[in-house]
Amino acid sequence: MDVLSNLKYAEGSKKNRKRVGRGEGSGHGGQATRGMNGQRSRSGSKKRAWFEGGQMPLQRRIPKFGFTNIFKQYYQVVNLNALQRLANENKLDKDVNIELLKKLGLINNTSKPVKILGKGEFSAKINVEVNAISQGAKEKIESAGGSIKLI
């Protein structure tokens, strides 16, 4: 018969946790497992992850130098050997643009500019429409009979 005097927790429902701050009878009374004194024994105690106990922090010890140009243009790079490989697999059209390069998986997004570099051999006759092209890539595409349009 279930009466209030003999109720028990269901099997596996209760985890054996430290009940801190619940008086001497809990076994964790007194300072509630926080030790005697010090910063961590007080309520509301927080330290930043990079705090080093008052020692000069690492980000202030290391010398600062250099410059970051906020106007620098970062290009997505496509090499000619990747274009040639796709041309050999008959996946390239006569006209290659940024949308096609995205569809074929050579670039990640269409919002960043694309630059063609001249690494590798190239013999496909294609018309390329990109944001930038290296001099070597330009020569190889034109010698193969293709054309370049910069956008």
Protein backbone atom coordinates (compact mmCIF):
# COMPACT_ATOMS: atom_id res chain seq x y z
CA MET A 1 0.00 0.00 0.00
CA ASP A 2 1.48 3.35 -1.07
CA VAL A 3 1.32 5.89 1.66
CA LEU A 4 3.41 8.98 2.12
CA SER A 5 5.61 7.26 4.68
CA ASN A 6 6.97 4.62 2.30
CA LEU A 7 7.22 6.39 -1.09
CA LYS A 8 10.43 5.73 -3.02
CA TYR A 9 12.00 7.23 -6.13
CA ALA A 10 11.60 5.27 -9.35
CA GLU A 11 14.61 3.15 -10.28
CA GLY A 12 17.31 5.32 -11.97
CA SER A 13 15.35 8.58 -11.65
CA LYS A 14 17.47 10.24 -8.96
CA LYS A 15 21.07 11.26 -9.54
CA ASN A 16 23.46 11.32 -6.61
CA ARG A 17 24.36 15.03 -6.54
CA LYS A 18 26.15 17.18 -3.98
CA ARG A 19 23.47 19.26 -2.30
CA VAL A 20 25.56 22.27 -1.41
CA GLY A 21 24.33 25.17 0.68
CA ARG A 22 21.65 23.04 2.40
CA GLY A 23 23.01 23.03 5.95
CA GLU A 24 25.22 20.80 8.06
CA GLY A 25 23.03 17.73 7.63
CA SER A 26 23.86 17.55 3.92
CA GLY A 27 27.49 16.73 4.61
CA HIS A 28 28.52 19.83 2.69
CA GLY A 29 27.63 22.44 5.27
CA GLY A 30 29.80 25.24 6.60
CA GLN A 31 31.37 26.77 3.53
CA ALA A 32 29.32 24.66 1.05
CA THR A 33 32.47 23.09 -0.55
CA ARG A 34 33.91 26.52 -1.39
CA GLY A 35 36.78 26.52 1.07
CA MET A 36 37.46 29.09 3.75
CA ASN A 37 38.11 32.48 2.13
CA GLY A 38 39.15 33.92 -1.18
CA GLN A 39 37.65 35.14 -4.42
CA ARG A 40 35.92 31.92 -5.39
CA SER A 41 34.26 31.52 -2.00
CA ARG A 42 32.16 34.67 -2.38
CA SER A 43 28.82 34.80 -4.14
CA GLY A 44 28.75 36.28 -7.64
CA SER A 45 32.37 35.28 -8.23
CA LYS A 46 33.38 35.41 -11.90
CA LYS A 47 36.67 35.59 -13.74
CA ARG A 48 37.20 36.07 -17.44
CA ALA A 49 38.62 33.05 -19.25
CA TRP A 50 41.84 34.95 -20.06
CA PHE A 51 42.35 36.33 -16.53
CA GLU A 52 45.77 35.35 -15.21
CA GLY A 53 45.46 36.20 -11.52
CA GLY A 54 46.75 39.74 -11.86
CA GLN A 55 49.76 38.77 -13.97
CA MET A 56 50.08 40.87 -17.13
CA PRO A 57 47.79 39.08 -19.60
CA LEU A 58 49.17 37.40 -22.69
CA GLN A 59 47.37 39.74 -25.10
CA ARG A 60 49.10 42.69 -23.42
CA ARG A 61 52.55 41.06 -23.15
CA ILE A 62 52.91 40.33 -26.86
CA PRO A 63 54.08 43.24 -29.03
CA LYS A 64 51.60 44.66 -31.47
CA PHE A 65 52.66 45.22 -35.05
CA GLY A 66 51.33 45.15 -38.58
CA PHE A 67 48.35 46.57 -40.34
CA THR A 68 45.09 45.13 -41.68
CA ASN A 69 43.78 46.78 -44.80
CA ILE A 70 39.99 46.83 -44.51
CA PHE A 71 39.64 47.49 -48.26
CA LYS A 72 41.63 44.41 -49.38
CA GLN A 73 39.81 42.35 -51.96
CA TYR A 74 39.85 38.58 -51.31
CA TYR A 75 39.37 36.47 -54.42
CA GLN A 76 38.13 32.91 -54.82
CA VAL A 77 40.84 31.20 -56.83
CA VAL A 78 40.28 28.77 -59.72
CA ASN A 79 43.29 27.22 -61.47
CA LEU A 80 43.36 26.32 -65.15
CA ASN A 81 44.13 22.66 -64.40
CA ALA A 82 40.75 22.39 -62.61
CA LEU A 83 39.00 23.91 -65.64
CA GLN A 84 40.87 21.53 -67.96
CA ARG A 85 39.86 18.53 -65.84
CA LEU A 86 36.19 19.54 -66.08
CA ALA A 87 36.56 20.17 -69.81
CA ASN A 88 37.98 16.65 -70.24
CA GLU A 89 34.93 15.25 -68.37
CA ASN A 90 32.63 17.27 -70.73
CA LYS A 91 31.14 19.22 -67.83
CA LEU A 92 32.14 22.65 -69.19
CA ASP A 93 30.06 24.65 -71.64
CA LYS A 94 31.60 26.92 -74.24
CA ASP A 95 30.82 29.84 -71.92
CA VAL A 96 32.10 29.67 -68.32
CA ASN A 97 30.79 32.18 -65.79
CA ILE A 98 30.63 32.49 -62.00
CA GLU A 99 27.27 30.70 -61.70
CA LEU A 100 28.61 27.69 -63.63
CA LEU A 101 31.75 27.56 -61.45
CA LYS A 102 29.53 27.56 -58.35
CA LYS A 103 27.34 24.80 -59.80
CA LEU A 104 30.40 22.66 -60.57
CA GLY A 105 31.77 23.17 -57.03
CA LEU A 106 34.93 25.12 -57.90
CA ILE A 107 33.89 28.14 -55.81
CA ASN A 108 31.82 28.49 -52.64
CA ASN A 109 29.65 31.53 -53.22
CA THR A 110 28.81 33.89 -56.04
CA SER A 111 29.06 37.09 -54.00
CA LYS A 112 32.87 37.03 -53.68
CA PRO A 113 34.97 37.85 -56.77
CA VAL A 114 36.62 35.04 -58.74
CA LYS A 115 40.15 35.03 -60.16
CA ILE A 116 41.54 32.54 -62.67
CA LEU A 117 45.19 31.52 -62.15
CA GLY A 118 47.43 29.86 -64.71
CA LYS A 119 48.53 26.69 -62.90
CA GLY A 120 48.59 23.64 -65.16
CA GLU A 121 48.21 22.94 -68.86
CA PHE A 122 45.16 24.19 -70.74
CA SER A 123 43.82 23.34 -74.20
CA ALA A 124 40.03 23.82 -74.01
CA LYS A 125 38.43 26.47 -76.19
CA ILE A 126 36.15 28.35 -73.78
CA ASN A 127 34.90 31.87 -73.15
CA VAL A 128 35.56 32.90 -69.55
CA GLU A 129 33.60 35.60 -67.69
CA VAL A 130 35.18 36.34 -64.28
CA ASN A 131 36.27 39.25 -62.08
CA ALA A 132 40.06 38.90 -62.52
CA ILE A 133 42.63 36.77 -64.32
CA SER A 134 46.38 36.37 -64.08
CA GLN A 135 48.61 37.18 -67.03
CA GLY A 136 49.71 33.54 -67.46
CA ALA A 137 46.14 32.27 -67.44
CA LYS A 138 45.12 34.92 -69.95
CA GLU A 139 47.88 33.87 -72.36
CA LYS A 140 47.02 30.16 -72.05
CA ILE A 141 43.28 30.69 -72.64
CA GLU A 142 43.86 32.95 -75.64
CA SER A 143 46.44 30.59 -77.15
CA ALA A 144 43.90 27.75 -76.86
CA GLY A 145 41.41 29.83 -78.84
CA GLY A 146 39.24 31.09 -75.98
CA SER A 147 38.29 34.58 -74.91
CA ILE A 148 38.15 36.47 -71.60
CA LYS A 149 35.58 38.95 -70.39
CA LEU A 150 36.23 40.77 -67.09
CA ILE A 151 33.16 41.80 -65.10
